[in-house]
C-alpha atoms as a PDB file:
ATOM      1  CA  MET A   1     -11.871  43.330 -57.102  1.00  0.00           C
ATOM      2  CA  ILE A   2     -10.346  39.817 -57.015  1.00  0.00           C
ATOM      3  CA  GLU A   3     -11.581  39.294 -53.443  1.00  0.00           C
ATOM      4  CA  ALA A   4     -15.078  40.471 -54.402  1.00  0.00           C
ATOM      5  CA  VAL A   5     -15.212  37.992 -57.291  1.00  0.00           C
ATOM      6  CA  ALA A   6     -14.043  35.176 -55.009  1.00  0.00           C
ATOM      7  CA  ASN A   7     -16.720  36.060 -52.458  1.00  0.00           C
ATOM      8  CA  THR A   8     -19.358  36.096 -55.201  1.00  0.00           C
ATOM      9  CA  ARG A   9     -18.287  32.657 -56.425  1.00  0.00           C
ATOM     10  CA  ALA A  10     -18.284  31.265 -52.885  1.00  0.00           C
ATOM     11  CA  SER A  11     -21.763  32.692 -52.264  1.00  0.00           C
ATOM     12  CA  ALA A  12     -23.077  31.213 -55.504  1.00  0.00           C
ATOM     13  CA  ALA A  13     -21.553  27.824 -54.660  1.00  0.00           C
ATOM     14  CA  TYR A  14     -23.025  28.016 -51.169  1.00  0.00           C
ATOM     15  CA  ALA A  15     -26.509  28.709 -52.558  1.00  0.00           C
ATOM     16  CA  ARG A  16     -26.321  25.834 -55.068  1.00  0.00           C
ATOM     17  CA  ILE A  17     -25.018  23.264 -52.570  1.00  0.00           C
ATOM     18  CA  ARG A  18     -27.452  24.364 -49.875  1.00  0.00           C
ATOM     19  CA  GLU A  19     -30.341  24.064 -52.333  1.00  0.00           C
ATOM     20  CA  ALA A  20     -29.259  20.549 -53.321  1.00  0.00           C
ATOM     21  CA  ILE A  21     -29.129  19.497 -49.662  1.00  0.00           C
ATOM     22  CA  ILE A  22     -32.511  21.053 -48.794  1.00  0.00           C
ATOM     23  CA  VAL A  23     -34.389  19.426 -51.684  1.00  0.00           C
ATOM     24  CA  GLY A  24     -32.695  16.068 -51.131  1.00  0.00           C
ATOM     25  CA  ARG A  25     -30.430  15.770 -54.159  1.00  0.00           C
ATOM     26  CA  HIS A  26     -27.534  15.337 -51.730  1.00  0.00           C
ATOM     27  CA  GLN A  27     -28.690  12.661 -49.306  1.00  0.00           C
ATOM     28  CA  PRO A  28     -27.947  12.672 -45.548  1.00  0.00           C
ATOM     29  CA  GLY A  29     -24.508  11.229 -44.870  1.00  0.00           C
ATOM     30  CA  ALA A  30     -23.338  11.522 -48.484  1.00  0.00           C
ATOM     31  CA  ARG A  31     -19.735  12.521 -49.136  1.00  0.00           C
ATOM     32  CA  LEU A  32     -19.229  15.974 -50.610  1.00  0.00           C
ATOM     33  CA  HIS A  33     -16.070  15.816 -52.707  1.00  0.00           C
ATOM     34  CA  ILE A  34     -14.560  19.233 -53.315  1.00  0.00           C
ATOM     35  CA  GLN A  35     -13.208  18.290 -56.736  1.00  0.00           C
ATOM     36  CA  ASP A  36     -16.536  16.822 -57.885  1.00  0.00           C
ATOM     37  CA  LEU A  37     -18.436  19.905 -56.719  1.00  0.00           C
ATOM     38  CA  SER A  38     -15.842  22.152 -58.330  1.00  0.00           C
ATOM     39  CA  GLU A  39     -16.365  20.451 -61.682  1.00  0.00           C
ATOM     40  CA  GLU A  40     -20.138  20.371 -61.336  1.00  0.00           C
ATOM     41  CA  LEU A  41     -20.481  24.028 -60.366  1.00  0.00           C
ATOM     42  CA  GLN A  42     -17.576  25.208 -62.533  1.00  0.00           C
ATOM     43  CA  VAL A  43     -15.822  27.122 -59.775  1.00  0.00           C
ATOM     44  CA  GLY A  44     -12.454  26.601 -58.127  1.00  0.00           C
ATOM     45  CA  PRO A  45     -11.823  24.440 -55.040  1.00  0.00           C
ATOM     46  CA  SER A  46     -11.338  27.444 -52.735  1.00  0.00           C
ATOM     47  CA  PRO A  47     -14.896  28.855 -53.176  1.00  0.00           C
ATOM     48  CA  ILE A  48     -16.275  25.318 -52.747  1.00  0.00           C
ATOM     49  CA  ARG A  49     -14.335  24.865 -49.524  1.00  0.00           C
ATOM     50  CA  GLU A  50     -15.526  28.241 -48.261  1.00  0.00           C
ATOM     51  CA  ALA A  51     -19.126  27.355 -49.118  1.00  0.00           C
ATOM     52  CA  LEU A  52     -18.863  24.003 -47.332  1.00  0.00           C
ATOM     53  CA  ASN A  53     -17.406  25.624 -44.226  1.00  0.00           C
ATOM     54  CA  ARG A  54     -20.327  28.040 -44.166  1.00  0.00           C
ATOM     55  CA  LEU A  55     -22.747  25.117 -44.418  1.00  0.00           C
ATOM     56  CA  VAL A  56     -20.908  23.409 -41.552  1.00  0.00           C
ATOM     57  CA  SER A  57     -21.586  26.468 -39.386  1.00  0.00           C
ATOM     58  CA  GLU A  58     -25.289  26.179 -40.270  1.00  0.00           C
ATOM     59  CA  GLY A  59     -25.479  22.482 -39.403  1.00  0.00           C
ATOM     60  CA  LEU A  60     -26.241  21.301 -42.944  1.00  0.00           C
ATOM     61  CA  VAL A  61     -22.784  19.801 -43.526  1.00  0.00           C
ATOM     62  CA  SER A  62     -20.423  17.982 -41.158  1.00  0.00           C
ATOM     63  CA  GLN A  63     -16.638  17.959 -41.367  1.00  0.00           C
ATOM     64  CA  HIS A  64     -14.534  15.021 -40.250  1.00  0.00           C
ATOM     65  CA  ASP A  65     -10.802  15.266 -39.710  1.00  0.00           C
ATOM     66  CA  GLN A  66      -8.931  13.703 -42.619  1.00  0.00           C
ATOM     67  CA  ARG A  67     -12.195  12.458 -44.101  1.00  0.00           C
ATOM     68  CA  GLY A  68     -13.570  15.601 -45.698  1.00  0.00           C
ATOM     69  CA  PHE A  69     -17.136  16.860 -45.778  1.00  0.00           C
ATOM     70  CA  ARG A  70     -20.455  15.019 -45.614  1.00  0.00           C
ATOM     71  CA  VAL A  71     -24.083  16.045 -45.696  1.00  0.00           C
ATOM     72  CA  ALA A  72     -25.201  16.197 -42.072  1.00  0.00           C
ATOM     73  CA  SER A  73     -27.065  13.075 -41.014  1.00  0.00           C
ATOM     74  CA  LEU A  74     -30.679  13.032 -39.848  1.00  0.00           C
ATOM     75  CA  ASP A  75     -31.926  11.234 -36.757  1.00  0.00           C
ATOM     76  CA  LEU A  76     -35.577  10.478 -36.084  1.00  0.00           C
ATOM     77  CA  LYS A  77     -34.870  11.000 -32.367  1.00  0.00           C
ATOM     78  CA  ASP A  78     -34.280  14.696 -33.103  1.00  0.00           C
ATOM     79  CA  LEU A  79     -37.610  15.149 -34.886  1.00  0.00           C
ATOM     80  CA  ASP A  80     -39.727  16.128 -31.873  1.00  0.00           C
ATOM     81  CA  ASP A  81     -37.061  18.472 -30.528  1.00  0.00           C
ATOM     82  CA  LEU A  82     -36.796  20.195 -33.907  1.00  0.00           C
ATOM     83  CA  PHE A  83     -40.523  20.668 -34.372  1.00  0.00           C
ATOM     84  CA  ASP A  84     -41.067  21.804 -30.777  1.00  0.00           C
ATOM     85  CA  ALA A  85     -38.450  24.507 -31.319  1.00  0.00           C
ATOM     86  CA  ARG A  86     -39.903  25.395 -34.715  1.00  0.00           C
ATOM     87  CA  CYS A  87     -43.436  25.745 -33.351  1.00  0.00           C
ATOM     88  CA  TRP A  88     -42.394  27.821 -30.330  1.00  0.00           C
ATOM     89  CA  ALA A  89     -40.278  30.215 -32.387  1.00  0.00           C
ATOM     90  CA  ASN A  90     -42.838  30.650 -35.169  1.00  0.00           C
ATOM     91  CA  GLU A  91     -45.658  31.206 -32.685  1.00  0.00           C
ATOM     92  CA  ALA A  92     -43.787  34.031 -30.964  1.00  0.00           C
ATOM     93  CA  ALA A  93     -42.725  35.577 -34.275  1.00  0.00           C
ATOM     94  CA  LEU A  94     -46.208  35.342 -35.805  1.00  0.00           C
ATOM     95  CA  ARG A  95     -47.861  36.892 -32.753  1.00  0.00           C
ATOM     96  CA  ALA A  96     -45.403  39.790 -32.871  1.00  0.00           C
ATOM     97  CA  SER A  97     -45.961  40.262 -36.602  1.00  0.00           C
ATOM     98  CA  ILE A  98     -49.752  40.340 -36.243  1.00  0.00           C
ATOM     99  CA  GLN A  99     -49.430  42.908 -33.468  1.00  0.00           C
ATOM    100  CA  ARG A 100     -46.851  45.091 -35.235  1.00  0.00           C
ATOM    101  CA  GLY A 101     -47.343  44.547 -38.945  1.00  0.00           C
ATOM    102  CA  GLY A 102     -48.846  47.241 -41.127  1.00  0.00           C
ATOM    103  CA  ARG A 103     -50.291  47.305 -44.621  1.00  0.00           C
ATOM    104  CA  ASP A 104     -46.909  46.540 -46.205  1.00  0.00           C
ATOM    105  CA  TRP A 105     -46.702  43.350 -44.144  1.00  0.00           C
ATOM    106  CA  GLU A 106     -50.228  42.322 -45.152  1.00  0.00           C
ATOM    107  CA  GLU A 107     -49.516  42.964 -48.833  1.00  0.00           C
ATOM    108  CA  ASN A 108     -46.312  40.942 -48.683  1.00  0.00           C
ATOM    109  CA  VAL A 109     -48.090  37.977 -47.103  1.00  0.00           C
ATOM    110  CA  VAL A 110     -50.694  38.058 -49.891  1.00  0.00           C
ATOM    111  CA  LEU A 111     -48.015  38.364 -52.587  1.00  0.00           C
ATOM    112  CA  MET A 112     -45.913  35.495 -51.208  1.00  0.00           C
ATOM    113  CA  LEU A 113     -49.016  33.309 -50.898  1.00  0.00           C
ATOM    114  CA  HIS A 114     -49.860  34.020 -54.539  1.00  0.00           C
ATOM    115  CA  ARG A 115     -46.333  33.099 -55.649  1.00  0.00           C
ATOM    116  CA  LEU A 116     -46.401  29.920 -53.584  1.00  0.00           C
ATOM    117  CA  ARG A 117     -49.695  28.811 -55.135  1.00  0.00           C
ATOM    118  CA  ARG A 118     -48.278  29.380 -58.630  1.00  0.00           C
ATOM    119  CA  ALA A 119     -44.981  27.592 -58.030  1.00  0.00           C
ATOM    120  CA  PRO A 120     -44.672  24.106 -59.628  1.00  0.00           C
ATOM    121  CA  ARG A 121     -45.301  21.638 -56.852  1.00  0.00           C
ATOM    122  CA  LEU A 122     -43.389  18.615 -58.129  1.00  0.00           C
ATOM    123  CA  VAL A 123     -40.364  18.086 -60.330  1.00  0.00           C
ATOM    124  CA  GLU A 124     -40.528  14.295 -59.989  1.00  0.00           C
ATOM    125  CA  VAL A 125     -44.078  13.001 -59.671  1.00  0.00           C
ATOM    126  CA  ASP A 126     -43.162   9.421 -58.695  1.00  0.00           C
ATOM    127  CA  SER A 127     -40.837  10.426 -55.866  1.00  0.00           C
ATOM    128  CA  GLY A 128     -42.788  13.508 -54.802  1.00  0.00           C
ATOM    129  CA  LEU A 129     -39.656  15.638 -55.125  1.00  0.00           C
ATOM    130  CA  ARG A 130     -40.340  19.343 -54.994  1.00  0.00           C
ATOM    131  CA  GLY A 131     -37.893  21.597 -56.757  1.00  0.00           C
ATOM    132  CA  ALA A 132     -36.054  24.686 -55.642  1.00  0.00           C
ATOM    133  CA  GLN A 133     -38.714  27.040 -57.016  1.00  0.00           C
ATOM    134  CA  TRP A 134     -41.384  25.598 -54.726  1.00  0.00           C
ATOM    135  CA  GLU A 135     -39.020  25.396 -51.761  1.00  0.00           C
ATOM    136  CA  ASN A 136     -37.989  29.029 -52.221  1.00  0.00           C
ATOM    137  CA  ALA A 137     -41.599  30.172 -52.554  1.00  0.00           C
ATOM    138  CA  HIS A 138     -42.523  28.141 -49.477  1.00  0.00           C
ATOM    139  CA  ASP A 139     -39.705  29.759 -47.503  1.00  0.00           C
ATOM    140  CA  ASP A 140     -40.707  33.210 -48.725  1.00  0.00           C
ATOM    141  CA  PHE A 141     -44.310  32.699 -47.609  1.00  0.00           C
ATOM    142  CA  HIS A 142     -43.425  31.518 -44.115  1.00  0.00           C
ATOM    143  CA  ASN A 143     -40.840  34.289 -43.795  1.00  0.00           C
ATOM    144  CA  ALA A 144     -43.467  36.835 -44.848  1.00  0.00           C
ATOM    145  CA  LEU A 145     -45.788  35.660 -42.068  1.00  0.00           C
ATOM    146  CA  ILE A 146     -43.183  36.499 -39.430  1.00  0.00           C
ATOM    147  CA  GLY A 147     -41.596  39.373 -41.336  1.00  0.00           C
ATOM    148  CA  ALA A 148     -42.910  42.108 -39.020  1.00  0.00           C
ATOM    149  CA  CYS A 149     -41.839  40.467 -35.759  1.00  0.00           C
ATOM    150  CA  GLY A 150     -39.038  42.987 -35.302  1.00  0.00           C
ATOM    151  CA  SER A 151     -36.304  40.459 -34.488  1.00  0.00           C
ATOM    152  CA  THR A 152     -33.661  39.423 -36.995  1.00  0.00           C
ATOM    153  CA  TRP A 153     -32.404  36.817 -34.529  1.00  0.00           C
ATOM    154  CA  MET A 154     -35.858  35.231 -34.343  1.00  0.00           C
ATOM    155  CA  GLN A 155     -36.247  35.271 -38.122  1.00  0.00           C
ATOM    156  CA  ASN A 156     -32.844  33.648 -38.591  1.00  0.00           C
ATOM    157  CA  PHE A 157     -33.659  30.957 -36.045  1.00  0.00           C
ATOM    158  CA  CYS A 158     -36.988  30.234 -37.741  1.00  0.00           C
ATOM    159  CA  GLN A 159     -35.172  29.922 -41.079  1.00  0.00           C
ATOM    160  CA  ARG A 160     -32.697  27.461 -39.634  1.00  0.00           C
ATOM    161  CA  THR A 161     -35.454  25.244 -38.229  1.00  0.00           C
ATOM    162  CA  SER A 162     -37.280  25.518 -41.555  1.00  0.00           C
ATOM    163  CA  ASP A 163     -34.176  24.315 -43.414  1.00  0.00           C
ATOM    164  CA  ALA A 164     -33.866  21.342 -41.074  1.00  0.00           C
ATOM    165  CA  ALA A 165     -37.545  20.459 -41.457  1.00  0.00           C
ATOM    166  CA  ALA A 166     -37.254  20.664 -45.258  1.00  0.00           C
ATOM    167  CA  ARG A 167     -34.502  18.035 -45.176  1.00  0.00           C
ATOM    168  CA  TYR A 168     -36.759  15.649 -43.269  1.00  0.00           C
ATOM    169  CA  ARG A 169     -39.558  16.342 -45.748  1.00  0.00           C
ATOM    170  CA  ALA A 170     -37.215  15.651 -48.650  1.00  0.00           C
ATOM    171  CA  ILE A 171     -36.412  12.101 -47.551  1.00  0.00           C
ATOM    172  CA  SER A 172     -40.073  11.380 -46.787  1.00  0.00           C
ATOM    173  CA  ARG A 173     -41.810  12.804 -49.856  1.00  0.00           C
ATOM    174  CA  ALA A 174     -42.369   9.542 -51.714  1.00  0.00           C
ATOM    175  CA  ALA A 175     -44.421   8.367 -48.753  1.00  0.00           C
ATOM    176  CA  VAL A 176     -46.310  11.598 -48.041  1.00  0.00           C
ATOM    177  CA  ASN A 177     -46.926  12.718 -51.627  1.00  0.00           C
ATOM    178  CA  GLY A 178     -50.670  13.190 -52.185  1.00  0.00           C
ATOM    179  CA  GLN A 179     -51.515  13.046 -48.472  1.00  0.00           C
ATOM    180  CA  ARG A 180     -51.361  16.781 -47.870  1.00  0.00           C
ATOM    181  CA  GLY A 181     -53.687  19.624 -48.743  1.00  0.00           C
ATOM    182  CA  ASP A 182     -51.053  22.158 -47.771  1.00  0.00           C
ATOM    183  CA  GLU A 183     -52.237  24.820 -50.214  1.00  0.00           C
ATOM    184  CA  GLU A 184     -55.486  25.132 -48.287  1.00  0.00           C
ATOM    185  CA  GLU A 185     -53.532  25.211 -45.030  1.00  0.00           C
ATOM    186  CA  HIS A 186     -51.374  28.091 -46.273  1.00  0.00           C
ATOM    187  CA  VAL A 187     -54.430  30.051 -47.443  1.00  0.00           C
ATOM    188  CA  ALA A 188     -56.189  29.631 -44.085  1.00  0.00           C
ATOM    189  CA  ILE A 189     -53.103  30.736 -42.122  1.00  0.00           C
ATOM    190  CA  ALA A 190     -52.655  33.833 -44.296  1.00  0.00           C
ATOM    191  CA  GLU A 191     -56.317  34.816 -44.040  1.00  0.00           C
ATOM    192  CA  ALA A 192     -56.332  34.506 -40.244  1.00  0.00           C
ATOM    193  CA  ALA A 193     -53.094  36.491 -39.934  1.00  0.00           C
ATOM    194  CA  ILE A 194     -54.321  39.340 -42.153  1.00  0.00           C
ATOM    195  CA  ALA A 195     -57.620  39.393 -40.260  1.00  0.00           C
ATOM    196  CA  ARG A 196     -55.522  39.903 -37.081  1.00  0.00           C
ATOM    197  CA  ASP A 197     -57.084  36.816 -35.528  1.00  0.00           C
ATOM    198  CA  GLU A 198     -53.978  36.014 -33.526  1.00  0.00           C
ATOM    199  CA  GLU A 199     -55.199  32.874 -31.765  1.00  0.00           C
ATOM    200  CA  LYS A 200     -56.628  31.315 -34.917  1.00  0.00           C
ATOM    201  CA  ALA A 201     -53.538  32.122 -36.978  1.00  0.00           C
ATOM    202  CA  VAL A 202     -51.203  30.649 -34.366  1.00  0.00           C
ATOM    203  CA  SER A 203     -53.369  27.550 -33.972  1.00  0.00           C
ATOM    204  CA  LEU A 204     -53.490  26.975 -37.739  1.00  0.00           C
ATOM    205  CA  LEU A 205     -49.745  27.513 -38.147  1.00  0.00           C
ATOM    206  CA  THR A 206     -48.903  25.180 -35.272  1.00  0.00           C
ATOM    207  CA  SER A 207     -51.223  22.492 -36.659  1.00  0.00           C
ATOM    208  CA  HIS A 208     -49.642  22.965 -40.089  1.00  0.00           C
ATOM    209  CA  LEU A 209     -46.141  22.453 -38.700  1.00  0.00           C
ATOM    210  CA  ARG A 210     -47.186  19.539 -36.497  1.00  0.00           C
ATOM    211  CA  ARG A 211     -48.847  17.786 -39.416  1.00  0.00           C
ATOM    212  CA  THR A 212     -45.565  17.912 -41.294  1.00  0.00           C
ATOM    213  CA  ARG A 213     -43.905  16.287 -38.299  1.00  0.00           C
ATOM    214  CA  ASP A 214     -46.548  13.535 -38.148  1.00  0.00           C
ATOM    215  CA  LEU A 215     -46.313  12.749 -41.870  1.00  0.00           C
ATOM    216  CA  VAL A 216     -42.523  12.572 -41.697  1.00  0.00           C
ATOM    217  CA  PHE A 217     -42.602  10.374 -38.602  1.00  0.00           C
ATOM    218  CA  ASN A 218     -45.175   7.994 -40.079  1.00  0.00           C
ATOM    219  CA  SER A 219     -43.221   7.697 -43.357  1.00  0.00           C
ATOM    220  CA  TRP A 220     -40.090   6.682 -41.423  1.00  0.00           C
ATOM    221  CA  GLN A 221     -41.996   3.920 -39.655  1.00  0.00           C
ATOM    222  CA  ARG A 222     -42.934   2.190 -42.909  1.00  0.00           C
END
């Protein structure tokens, strides 16, 4: 029972810290002090340490000998590599889902699109910061698109590249806010996927992902 409670606390701490990193509340390179996080999240140091180690394994946090934990840094030189990998993986997974998915898959895509469209887009209008509710709904929609691909490994890889892309978006939102009609993009992708128009769906999804890359890149050049 004690071990189960500890695991639950570590999982909750992991989810909270991960969310803060993804949406940009913890900036790239920032120190993550175990005691500060323990006080903020109201859990002991051990669950915090366990959560941070899990985030290290996922590439969201880095650990330095004798210097503790930091939010993993971001490098513009990695941007193309990341988005190439993201596009390739999502294309393969979406094609497989269109070929294999049944009515349950279609209904889930429609449901996740509906939830995404209803999620509050901004929590800070001036900075363009999107909150966890939108980020979670956005993840759920993209995961629904590839949810019938039949490969847990592929889905996990797509999630990891999505997390990395969200971090780049988070530090670029003030510049890209208002430049994106992404709701229409999501609707068009969903409609093409449900219509089993594989080539159109893949083309729209790839363009959607590439546009994110271009907006992030352009914001960093300002």
